[in-house]
N, C-alpha and C. Protein backbone atom coordinates (compact mmCIF):
# COMPACT_ATOMS: atom_id res chain seq x y z
N MET A 1 6.55 57.29 -88.62
CA MET A 1 7.71 57.74 -88.20
C MET A 1 7.78 58.77 -89.05
N SER A 2 7.65 60.09 -88.81
CA SER A 2 8.30 60.72 -90.12
C SER A 2 9.85 61.55 -90.15
N ILE A 3 9.95 61.17 -91.17
CA ILE A 3 11.92 61.37 -91.43
C ILE A 3 11.76 63.11 -92.27
N SER A 4 12.31 63.61 -91.54
CA SER A 4 12.75 65.19 -92.36
C SER A 4 14.34 64.85 -93.42
N LYS A 5 14.03 64.77 -94.28
CA LYS A 5 15.33 65.01 -95.10
C LYS A 5 16.43 65.18 -94.61
N ALA A 6 16.16 66.75 -94.00
CA ALA A 6 17.46 67.77 -93.92
C ALA A 6 17.67 66.92 -92.38
N ASP A 7 17.12 66.03 -91.29
CA ASP A 7 17.36 65.37 -90.17
C ASP A 7 17.98 63.66 -90.79
N ALA A 8 17.83 63.16 -91.64
CA ALA A 8 18.04 61.92 -91.82
C ALA A 8 19.03 61.75 -92.99
N LYS A 9 19.73 62.79 -93.22
CA LYS A 9 20.58 62.69 -94.57
C LYS A 9 21.90 61.72 -94.31
N VAL A 10 21.96 60.74 -94.75
CA VAL A 10 22.96 59.66 -94.85
C VAL A 10 24.51 59.65 -95.45
N SER A 11 25.48 59.76 -94.21
CA SER A 11 26.56 60.08 -94.31
C SER A 11 27.88 59.32 -95.34
N ILE A 12 28.39 59.48 -95.46
CA ILE A 12 29.65 57.67 -95.86
C ILE A 12 30.34 57.84 -94.68
N SER A 13 30.22 58.27 -93.53
CA SER A 13 31.17 57.63 -91.89
C SER A 13 29.89 56.74 -91.55
N GLN A 14 28.58 56.85 -92.05
CA GLN A 14 26.99 56.38 -91.20
C GLN A 14 27.40 55.22 -91.41
N LEU A 15 27.73 54.89 -93.35
CA LEU A 15 28.02 53.82 -93.88
C LEU A 15 29.46 53.06 -93.28
N GLY A 16 30.05 53.19 -92.95
CA GLY A 16 31.59 52.49 -92.69
C GLY A 16 32.78 53.32 -93.49
N GLY A 17 32.42 53.93 -94.62
CA GLY A 17 33.55 54.76 -94.68
C GLY A 17 33.98 53.86 -95.89
N ILE A 18 35.26 53.97 -96.49
CA ILE A 18 35.73 52.94 -97.68
C ILE A 18 35.89 51.65 -96.78
N SER A 19 35.82 50.93 -95.89
CA SER A 19 35.36 49.75 -95.74
C SER A 19 33.89 49.12 -95.75
N GLY A 20 33.28 49.92 -95.59
CA GLY A 20 31.79 49.74 -95.79
C GLY A 20 31.89 49.23 -97.48
N PHE A 21 32.27 50.65 -98.20
CA PHE A 21 32.21 50.07 -99.55
C PHE A 21 32.65 49.03 -99.90
N LEU A 22 33.69 48.39 -99.25
CA LEU A 22 34.15 47.36 -100.13
C LEU A 22 33.41 46.20 -99.21
N ARG A 23 33.14 46.37 -98.29
CA ARG A 23 32.63 44.98 -97.67
C ARG A 23 31.34 44.95 -98.39
N ASN A 24 30.48 45.68 -99.17
CA ASN A 24 28.92 45.64 -99.94
C ASN A 24 29.07 46.42 -100.47
N PRO A 25 28.81 46.80 -101.87
CA PRO A 25 29.02 47.73 -102.60
C PRO A 25 27.49 48.25 -102.86
N GLY A 26 26.80 47.45 -103.03
CA GLY A 26 25.66 47.88 -103.41
C GLY A 26 24.51 48.13 -102.55
N LEU A 27 24.76 47.84 -101.40
CA LEU A 27 24.07 48.26 -99.69
C LEU A 27 24.72 49.95 -99.81
N PHE A 28 26.16 49.54 -99.58
CA PHE A 28 26.34 50.86 -99.60
C PHE A 28 26.14 52.25 -100.53
N LEU A 29 26.21 52.05 -101.77
CA LEU A 29 25.46 53.01 -102.83
C LEU A 29 23.85 52.85 -102.29
N PHE A 30 23.00 52.06 -102.29
CA PHE A 30 21.45 52.06 -102.30
C PHE A 30 21.48 53.15 -101.27
N THR A 31 22.07 52.69 -100.04
CA THR A 31 21.38 53.30 -98.38
C THR A 31 22.29 54.71 -98.72
N LEU A 32 23.17 55.10 -99.65
CA LEU A 32 23.53 56.15 -99.33
C LEU A 32 22.45 57.30 -100.56
N ARG A 33 22.22 56.53 -101.72
CA ARG A 33 21.08 57.01 -102.71
C ARG A 33 19.72 57.45 -102.03
N ARG A 34 19.59 56.27 -101.58
CA ARG A 34 17.83 56.33 -100.90
C ARG A 34 17.46 56.04 -99.81
N GLY A 35 18.68 55.87 -98.91
CA GLY A 35 18.00 55.60 -97.22
C GLY A 35 18.08 57.10 -96.33
N PHE A 36 17.33 56.71 -95.33
CA PHE A 36 17.26 57.81 -94.48
C PHE A 36 17.59 57.60 -93.10
N TYR A 37 18.65 57.49 -92.40
CA TYR A 37 19.24 56.97 -91.52
C TYR A 37 18.04 57.50 -90.34
N VAL A 38 17.96 56.39 -89.64
CA VAL A 38 16.59 56.17 -88.29
C VAL A 38 17.18 56.11 -86.71
N GLY A 39 18.16 55.32 -86.73
CA GLY A 39 18.99 55.61 -85.68
C GLY A 39 19.78 54.42 -85.50
N GLN A 40 20.59 53.75 -83.91
CA GLN A 40 21.63 53.47 -84.20
C GLN A 40 21.76 52.37 -82.84
N ASP A 41 22.05 50.89 -82.54
CA ASP A 41 21.69 50.48 -81.47
C ASP A 41 23.19 50.29 -80.46
N ALA A 42 22.94 49.71 -79.42
CA ALA A 42 24.26 49.46 -78.48
C ALA A 42 25.19 48.92 -78.98
N LEU A 43 25.01 48.06 -79.79
CA LEU A 43 26.42 47.46 -81.00
C LEU A 43 27.12 47.79 -81.91
N GLY A 44 26.16 49.24 -82.43
CA GLY A 44 26.87 49.96 -83.44
C GLY A 44 26.22 49.75 -85.06
N ASN A 45 24.95 48.61 -84.96
CA ASN A 45 24.73 48.37 -85.80
C ASN A 45 23.45 49.97 -86.20
N ARG A 46 23.26 50.05 -87.46
CA ARG A 46 23.03 51.37 -88.03
C ARG A 46 21.68 51.17 -88.96
N TYR A 47 20.20 51.67 -88.78
CA TYR A 47 19.11 51.40 -89.24
C TYR A 47 19.14 52.34 -89.92
N PHE A 48 17.58 52.32 -91.27
CA PHE A 48 17.92 53.06 -92.33
C PHE A 48 16.50 52.93 -92.66
N GLU A 49 15.96 53.67 -93.67
CA GLU A 49 14.50 53.59 -94.06
C GLU A 49 14.04 54.19 -94.89
N ARG A 50 13.26 53.87 -95.97
CA ARG A 50 13.09 54.51 -97.58
C ARG A 50 11.67 54.65 -97.32
N PRO A 51 11.36 56.16 -96.92
CA PRO A 51 10.00 56.10 -96.38
C PRO A 51 9.27 56.21 -97.82
N GLY A 52 7.92 56.12 -97.73
CA GLY A 52 6.74 56.39 -99.06
C GLY A 52 6.54 54.68 -99.09
N ARG A 53 5.56 54.30 -99.79
CA ARG A 53 5.06 52.87 -100.25
C ARG A 53 6.12 51.99 -100.98
N GLN A 54 6.44 50.95 -100.39
CA GLN A 54 7.10 49.75 -101.35
C GLN A 54 6.80 48.85 -101.75
N ARG A 55 7.25 47.77 -101.14
CA ARG A 55 6.86 46.48 -101.84
C ARG A 55 5.65 46.17 -100.74
N GLY A 56 5.03 45.69 -101.01
CA GLY A 56 3.53 45.60 -100.09
C GLY A 56 2.71 46.48 -99.48
N GLY A 57 3.03 47.96 -99.73
CA GLY A 57 2.54 49.19 -99.37
C GLY A 57 3.40 49.28 -98.21
N ARG A 58 4.28 48.61 -97.91
CA ARG A 58 4.85 49.53 -96.36
C ARG A 58 6.14 50.05 -97.16
N THR A 59 6.91 50.66 -96.18
CA THR A 59 8.14 51.04 -96.47
C THR A 59 9.63 50.17 -96.47
N MET A 60 10.45 50.48 -96.66
CA MET A 60 11.54 49.94 -96.77
C MET A 60 12.40 49.95 -95.41
N ARG A 61 13.21 48.90 -95.04
CA ARG A 61 13.29 48.83 -93.70
C ARG A 61 14.42 48.03 -93.57
N TRP A 62 15.88 48.59 -93.52
CA TRP A 62 16.99 47.43 -93.34
C TRP A 62 18.31 47.71 -92.12
N VAL A 63 19.35 47.08 -92.01
CA VAL A 63 20.15 47.19 -91.15
C VAL A 63 21.65 47.13 -91.70
N VAL A 64 22.38 48.46 -91.31
CA VAL A 64 23.67 48.18 -91.93
C VAL A 64 24.50 47.59 -90.94
N TYR A 65 25.41 46.34 -90.65
CA TYR A 65 25.52 45.57 -89.45
C TYR A 65 27.14 46.64 -89.35
N ALA A 66 27.48 46.71 -87.99
CA ALA A 66 28.67 47.46 -87.37
C ALA A 66 30.02 46.46 -87.78
N GLY A 67 29.59 45.55 -87.33
CA GLY A 67 30.91 44.31 -87.76
C GLY A 67 30.17 42.90 -88.79
N VAL A 68 31.10 42.11 -88.52
CA VAL A 68 30.40 41.10 -89.24
C VAL A 68 28.74 40.93 -89.58
N PRO A 69 28.44 40.53 -90.84
CA PRO A 69 26.66 40.29 -90.81
C PRO A 69 26.28 39.33 -90.09
N GLU A 70 25.37 39.83 -89.09
CA GLU A 70 25.29 38.38 -88.09
C GLU A 70 23.24 39.05 -87.33
N ALA A 71 22.58 38.86 -88.04
CA ALA A 71 21.09 38.81 -87.36
C ALA A 71 21.13 38.64 -86.23
N SER A 72 21.22 38.19 -85.34
CA SER A 72 21.38 37.47 -83.96
C SER A 72 21.81 39.09 -83.22
N THR A 73 22.47 39.91 -83.62
CA THR A 73 23.14 40.77 -83.22
C THR A 73 22.35 42.04 -83.45
N VAL A 74 20.84 42.03 -83.74
CA VAL A 74 19.99 43.28 -84.09
C VAL A 74 19.38 42.43 -82.76
N GLY A 75 18.55 43.93 -81.62
CA GLY A 75 18.20 43.74 -80.22
C GLY A 75 16.62 43.24 -80.37
N PRO A 76 15.79 43.24 -79.71
CA PRO A 76 14.21 42.94 -80.13
C PRO A 76 14.16 44.56 -79.85
N GLU A 77 14.18 45.37 -79.19
CA GLU A 77 14.06 46.83 -79.33
C GLU A 77 13.59 46.68 -81.36
N TRP A 78 14.81 46.69 -82.21
CA TRP A 78 14.90 47.16 -83.18
C TRP A 78 14.23 46.08 -84.15
N HIS A 79 13.99 45.07 -83.77
CA HIS A 79 13.88 43.78 -84.28
C HIS A 79 12.36 44.10 -84.79
N ALA A 80 11.24 44.48 -83.81
CA ALA A 80 10.08 45.11 -83.64
C ALA A 80 9.56 45.87 -85.07
N TRP A 81 10.64 46.87 -84.99
CA TRP A 81 10.58 47.80 -85.73
C TRP A 81 11.04 47.85 -87.56
N LEU A 82 11.73 46.68 -87.98
CA LEU A 82 12.45 46.08 -88.75
C LEU A 82 11.19 45.18 -89.53
N HIS A 83 10.27 44.53 -88.68
CA HIS A 83 9.95 43.84 -89.24
C HIS A 83 8.10 44.48 -89.44
N HIS A 84 7.79 45.76 -89.07
CA HIS A 84 6.92 46.55 -88.95
C HIS A 84 5.85 45.89 -88.02
N LEU A 85 6.61 45.72 -87.02
CA LEU A 85 5.42 45.36 -85.54
C LEU A 85 5.18 46.44 -84.74
N THR A 86 6.01 47.57 -84.94
CA THR A 86 6.02 48.86 -84.28
C THR A 86 6.39 50.24 -85.48
N ASP A 87 5.83 51.42 -85.01
CA ASP A 87 6.11 52.25 -85.74
C ASP A 87 7.62 52.98 -85.46
N GLU A 88 8.05 53.12 -84.59
CA GLU A 88 8.80 53.73 -83.56
C GLU A 88 9.79 52.44 -83.02
N PRO A 89 10.88 52.65 -83.19
CA PRO A 89 11.86 51.17 -82.29
C PRO A 89 11.36 51.36 -80.88
N LEU A 90 11.50 50.60 -80.13
CA LEU A 90 11.02 50.51 -79.31
C LEU A 90 12.02 50.98 -77.79
N PRO A 91 11.53 51.75 -77.24
CA PRO A 91 12.46 52.48 -75.91
C PRO A 91 13.48 51.36 -75.14
N SER A 92 14.51 51.52 -74.91
CA SER A 92 15.58 50.45 -74.49
C SER A 92 15.71 50.52 -72.69
N SER A 93 14.81 52.12 -72.71
CA SER A 93 14.87 52.66 -71.01
C SER A 93 14.01 51.72 -70.84
N GLY A 94 12.42 51.39 -70.81
CA GLY A 94 11.64 50.56 -70.74
C GLY A 94 11.19 49.53 -70.05
N ARG A 95 13.03 48.99 -70.13
CA ARG A 95 12.97 47.48 -69.87
C ARG A 95 12.55 47.21 -68.62
N LYS A 96 11.47 45.86 -68.53
CA LYS A 96 11.06 45.20 -67.03
C LYS A 96 12.52 45.08 -66.19
N PRO A 97 12.15 44.66 -64.78
CA PRO A 97 13.79 44.50 -64.11
C PRO A 97 13.84 42.86 -64.53
N TRP A 98 12.76 41.96 -64.61
CA TRP A 98 13.16 40.87 -65.02
C TRP A 98 13.84 40.59 -66.50
N GLN A 99 13.92 41.39 -67.53
CA GLN A 99 14.28 41.37 -68.75
C GLN A 99 15.62 40.89 -68.63
N LYS A 100 16.42 40.08 -69.36
CA LYS A 100 17.75 40.55 -69.69
C LYS A 100 18.63 41.32 -70.89
N PRO A 101 19.86 41.55 -70.59
CA PRO A 101 20.38 42.28 -71.91
C PRO A 101 20.03 41.80 -73.04
N HIS A 102 20.72 42.09 -74.01
CA HIS A 102 20.28 41.22 -75.33
C HIS A 102 22.11 40.63 -75.57
N GLN A 103 21.74 39.03 -75.93
CA GLN A 103 22.82 38.44 -76.39
C GLN A 103 22.86 37.76 -77.47
N PRO A 104 23.88 38.26 -78.35
CA PRO A 104 23.94 37.48 -79.86
C PRO A 104 24.34 36.16 -79.93
N ASN A 105 23.88 35.45 -81.20
CA ASN A 105 23.66 33.93 -81.23
C ASN A 105 25.17 33.54 -80.99
N LEU A 106 25.97 32.38 -80.04
CA LEU A 106 27.24 32.53 -79.78
C LEU A 106 27.62 30.97 -80.09
N THR A 107 26.85 30.62 -81.09
CA THR A 107 26.77 29.31 -81.51
C THR A 107 28.40 29.44 -82.41
N GLY A 108 29.17 27.98 -82.35
CA GLY A 108 30.23 29.15 -83.36
C GLY A 108 31.76 29.50 -82.62
N THR A 109 31.24 30.12 -81.88
CA THR A 109 32.47 30.93 -80.83
C THR A 109 33.44 30.46 -80.04
N GLN A 110 34.28 30.58 -79.60
CA GLN A 110 34.57 30.06 -77.99
C GLN A 110 33.82 30.62 -77.03
N ALA A 111 32.80 31.32 -77.03
CA ALA A 111 31.68 31.12 -76.01
C ALA A 111 30.48 30.69 -75.90
N SER A 112 30.14 29.64 -76.74
CA SER A 112 29.67 29.02 -77.48
C SER A 112 29.37 27.75 -76.04
N TYR A 113 28.00 26.84 -75.94
CA TYR A 113 27.65 26.35 -74.65
C TYR A 113 28.22 24.88 -74.98
N ARG A 114 29.06 24.31 -74.60
CA ARG A 114 29.55 23.19 -74.31
C ARG A 114 29.63 22.64 -73.48
N PRO A 115 28.71 20.95 -73.61
CA PRO A 115 28.21 20.05 -71.99
C PRO A 115 29.54 19.77 -71.84
N ALA A 116 29.16 18.82 -70.69
CA ALA A 116 30.31 18.12 -70.20
C ALA A 116 30.76 16.94 -70.89
N GLY A 117 31.91 16.66 -71.37
CA GLY A 117 32.02 15.42 -72.60
C GLY A 117 32.21 15.80 -73.69
N HIS A 118 32.14 17.41 -73.62
CA HIS A 118 32.27 17.78 -75.16
C HIS A 118 34.15 17.52 -75.72
N ASP A 119 34.19 17.04 -76.56
CA ASP A 119 35.46 17.25 -76.85
C ASP A 119 36.63 18.26 -76.34
N TYR A 120 36.18 19.86 -77.13
CA TYR A 120 36.30 20.79 -76.89
C TYR A 120 36.91 21.12 -75.05
N SER A 121 35.86 20.31 -74.56
CA SER A 121 36.08 20.56 -72.99
C SER A 121 37.01 19.40 -72.34
N GLY A 122 37.59 18.81 -73.05
CA GLY A 122 38.74 17.90 -72.74
C GLY A 122 37.84 16.12 -72.65
N GLY A 123 36.62 16.16 -73.10
CA GLY A 123 36.04 14.76 -74.10
C GLY A 123 35.71 13.98 -72.36
N LYS A 124 36.17 14.43 -71.23
CA LYS A 124 35.39 13.56 -70.39
C LYS A 124 34.65 13.93 -69.43
N ARG A 125 33.19 12.71 -68.91
CA ARG A 125 32.92 13.47 -67.85
C ARG A 125 31.95 12.43 -66.79
N ALA A 126 31.69 12.98 -65.72
CA ALA A 126 31.65 11.84 -64.72
C ALA A 126 30.60 10.95 -65.15
N ALA A 127 30.52 9.85 -64.13
CA ALA A 127 29.89 8.39 -64.88
C ALA A 127 28.38 8.99 -64.39
N ALA A 128 27.33 8.19 -65.24
CA ALA A 128 25.96 8.54 -65.33
C ALA A 128 25.51 7.35 -65.15
N ALA A 129 23.92 7.07 -64.45
CA ALA A 129 23.36 5.87 -64.11
C ALA A 129 22.97 5.23 -65.68
N ALA A 130 22.88 6.01 -66.80
CA ALA A 130 22.38 6.15 -67.57
C ALA A 130 23.60 5.46 -68.75
N ASP A 131 24.69 4.94 -68.38
CA ASP A 131 25.76 4.96 -68.84
C ASP A 131 25.67 3.04 -68.98
N TYR A 132 25.97 2.62 -70.27
CA TYR A 132 25.64 0.75 -70.55
C TYR A 132 27.05 0.63 -71.01
N GLU A 133 26.89 -0.64 -71.22
CA GLU A 133 28.09 -1.51 -71.95
C GLU A 133 27.65 -2.08 -73.34
N ALA A 134 28.43 -1.36 -74.22
CA ALA A 134 27.91 -2.09 -75.51
C ALA A 134 28.00 -3.56 -75.85
N TRP A 135 26.77 -4.19 -76.20
CA TRP A 135 26.71 -5.57 -76.36
C TRP A 135 27.50 -6.50 -77.55
N THR A 136 28.36 -7.22 -76.82
CA THR A 136 28.85 -8.12 -77.91
C THR A 136 28.28 -9.73 -78.15
N PRO A 137 28.54 -10.29 -78.99
CA PRO A 137 28.21 -11.29 -79.06
C PRO A 137 29.35 -12.22 -78.65
N ASP A 138 28.97 -13.24 -78.22
CA ASP A 138 29.56 -14.73 -77.57
C ASP A 138 30.29 -14.96 -78.79
N GLN A 139 31.36 -15.45 -78.29
CA GLN A 139 32.83 -15.74 -78.96
C GLN A 139 32.18 -17.80 -78.92
N GLY A 140 31.96 -18.24 -78.99
CA GLY A 140 31.50 -19.54 -78.79
C GLY A 140 32.50 -20.72 -79.71
């Protein structure tokens, strides 16, 4: 991926403004000084690269999250690019009809999966064939 300095100059607004600085000052300043803007995904995460060989002979690539830093919000298109599996982000327009849209990890949220009988779902479930009665010793 060839990134020209004129096209990819990072602005303070791309990094979240003053709130972005307060959230992570080190990342903010490093990205402002060394990063080149590559793109943005549907969730608002912004992706940057530092051209030239860096660690291990690869370019540095990173993401500035739109909200709470959560790695599961990075879609498969950008995940492949971040991990150097592709040189360009995968196009989201080339999705197959059977592919579902990316969904972040919902563990710990109100939308997480809760099976029947879970305390947050009322703690009651239908009786099942595998139910058992606990053994108690004879009182003799």
